[in-house]
Amino acid sequence: MSLTSTMTDSGQIVTVNVERIDAAMAIQFKEDMRSETESGASRVILDLSEVKFIDSSGLGAIVAAMKQLGSSRKLDLAGLSPMVDKVFRLTRMDTVFDLYASLNDATAVNNT
């Protein structure tokens, strides 16, 4: 899986550089997220703007990544495509995560 990470005043931005987070990618995603977010900003923004498809395994991997951060750190999601956004809303995960239409919207909010 291809993840890139940058630090900003708004927190750590982790960008997913693949179009799918599914059963074939979920384990690798969790491992890569753990590596990228080990040292830590209190807020991590997961940029999903390249992701066009997510299944239940991918959703579970994102929830697992949130849990790996612990209770003192926050995972926000940005740039969800309409299909990915629909999955989060249908599964009520929009009550668990703060969802932002774009990375710019997420970085404009300072939750650190």
Protein backbone atom coordinates (compact mmCIF):
# COMPACT_ATOMS: atom_id res chain seq x y z
CA MET A 1 0.00 0.00 0.00
CA SER A 2 1.20 3.46 -0.74
CA LEU A 3 0.85 6.02 2.03
CA THR A 4 2.63 9.36 2.27
CA SER A 5 2.77 11.54 5.33
CA THR A 6 3.46 15.20 6.08
CA MET A 7 3.33 17.28 9.25
CA THR A 8 1.44 20.58 9.26
CA ASP A 9 0.17 23.04 11.84
CA SER A 10 -3.16 21.17 11.69
CA GLY A 11 -1.55 17.82 12.51
CA GLN A 12 -0.19 14.89 10.54
CA ILE A 13 -1.66 14.34 7.09
CA VAL A 14 -1.52 10.75 5.83
CA THR A 15 -2.46 10.44 2.16
CA VAL A 16 -3.70 7.13 0.73
CA ASN A 17 -2.29 6.81 -2.80
CA VAL A 18 -4.42 3.91 -4.03
CA GLU A 19 -7.94 3.72 -5.46
CA ARG A 20 -9.17 0.81 -3.31
CA ILE A 21 -9.05 -0.14 0.36
CA ASP A 22 -10.53 -3.63 0.37
CA ALA A 23 -9.94 -7.08 1.81
CA ALA A 24 -6.79 -7.53 -0.28
CA MET A 25 -5.31 -4.29 1.11
CA ALA A 26 -6.67 -4.08 4.66
CA ILE A 27 -3.85 -5.81 6.57
CA GLN A 28 -1.16 -3.88 4.71
CA PHE A 29 -3.08 -0.65 5.29
CA LYS A 30 -3.18 -1.25 9.06
CA GLU A 31 0.56 -2.02 9.16
CA ASP A 32 1.44 1.02 7.05
CA MET A 33 -0.77 3.30 9.14
CA ARG A 34 0.89 2.04 12.31
CA SER A 35 4.31 2.81 10.85
CA GLU A 36 3.30 6.26 9.59
CA THR A 37 1.59 7.37 12.79
CA GLU A 38 3.86 5.85 15.47
CA SER A 39 5.27 9.17 16.54
CA GLY A 40 2.65 11.44 17.14
CA ALA A 41 0.74 14.43 16.34
CA SER A 42 -2.40 14.56 18.45
CA ARG A 43 -4.45 14.86 15.24
CA VAL A 44 -4.07 12.68 12.16
CA ILE A 45 -5.95 13.57 8.98
CA LEU A 46 -6.41 10.65 6.60
CA ASP A 47 -6.66 12.03 3.07
CA LEU A 48 -8.87 9.63 1.10
CA SER A 49 -9.23 11.78 -2.03
CA GLU A 50 -7.61 9.11 -4.26
CA VAL A 51 -9.76 6.29 -2.86
CA LYS A 52 -12.72 5.41 -5.07
CA PHE A 53 -13.82 2.17 -3.37
CA ILE A 54 -13.88 0.84 0.17
CA ASP A 55 -15.43 -2.37 1.48
CA SER A 56 -16.13 -3.59 5.01
CA SER A 57 -12.55 -4.81 5.42
CA GLY A 58 -11.25 -1.40 4.44
CA LEU A 59 -13.67 0.27 6.82
CA GLY A 60 -12.52 -2.06 9.58
CA ALA A 61 -8.89 -1.22 8.81
CA ILE A 62 -9.58 2.50 9.20
CA VAL A 63 -11.36 1.86 12.51
CA ALA A 64 -8.39 -0.26 13.63
CA ALA A 65 -6.04 2.61 12.68
CA MET A 66 -8.11 4.95 14.84
CA LYS A 67 -7.90 2.54 17.77
CA GLN A 68 -4.12 2.22 17.32
CA LEU A 69 -3.83 5.96 17.89
CA GLY A 70 -5.30 5.60 21.36
CA SER A 71 -7.71 7.84 23.21
CA SER A 72 -5.41 10.87 23.34
CA ARG A 73 -5.10 11.18 19.54
CA LYS A 74 -7.74 11.86 16.89
CA LEU A 75 -8.24 10.50 13.36
CA ASP A 76 -10.21 12.70 10.96
CA LEU A 77 -11.08 11.76 7.36
CA ALA A 78 -10.90 14.10 4.38
CA GLY A 79 -11.63 14.09 0.67
CA LEU A 80 -14.09 11.21 0.56
CA SER A 81 -15.44 10.42 -2.90
CA PRO A 82 -19.25 10.14 -3.10
CA MET A 83 -19.08 6.31 -3.01
CA VAL A 84 -16.70 6.21 -0.01
CA ASP A 85 -18.72 8.89 1.79
CA LYS A 86 -21.88 6.81 1.24
CA VAL A 87 -20.25 3.74 2.86
CA PHE A 88 -19.30 5.78 5.94
CA ARG A 89 -22.79 7.26 6.26
CA LEU A 90 -24.67 3.98 5.64
CA THR A 91 -22.62 2.26 8.34
CA ARG A 92 -23.05 5.27 10.67
CA MET A 93 -19.29 5.70 10.86
CA ASP A 94 -19.93 9.40 10.26
CA THR A 95 -20.83 9.43 13.98
CA VAL A 96 -17.41 8.01 14.86
CA PHE A 97 -15.20 10.11 12.56
CA ASP A 98 -15.24 13.76 11.61
CA LEU A 99 -15.64 13.75 7.81
CA TYR A 100 -14.43 16.68 5.70
CA ALA A 101 -15.28 17.22 2.05
CA SER A 102 -11.69 18.17 1.23
CA LEU A 103 -8.24 18.23 2.76
CA ASN A 104 -8.43 22.04 2.75
CA ASP A 105 -11.62 21.88 4.84
CA ALA A 106 -9.94 19.53 7.32
CA THR A 107 -6.80 21.62 7.68
CA ALA A 108 -8.84 24.79 8.14
CA VAL A 109 -10.13 23.31 11.39
CA ASN A 110 -7.46 23.37 14.08
CA ASN A 111 -8.20 20.46 16.45
CA THR A 112 -4.67 20.07 17.82
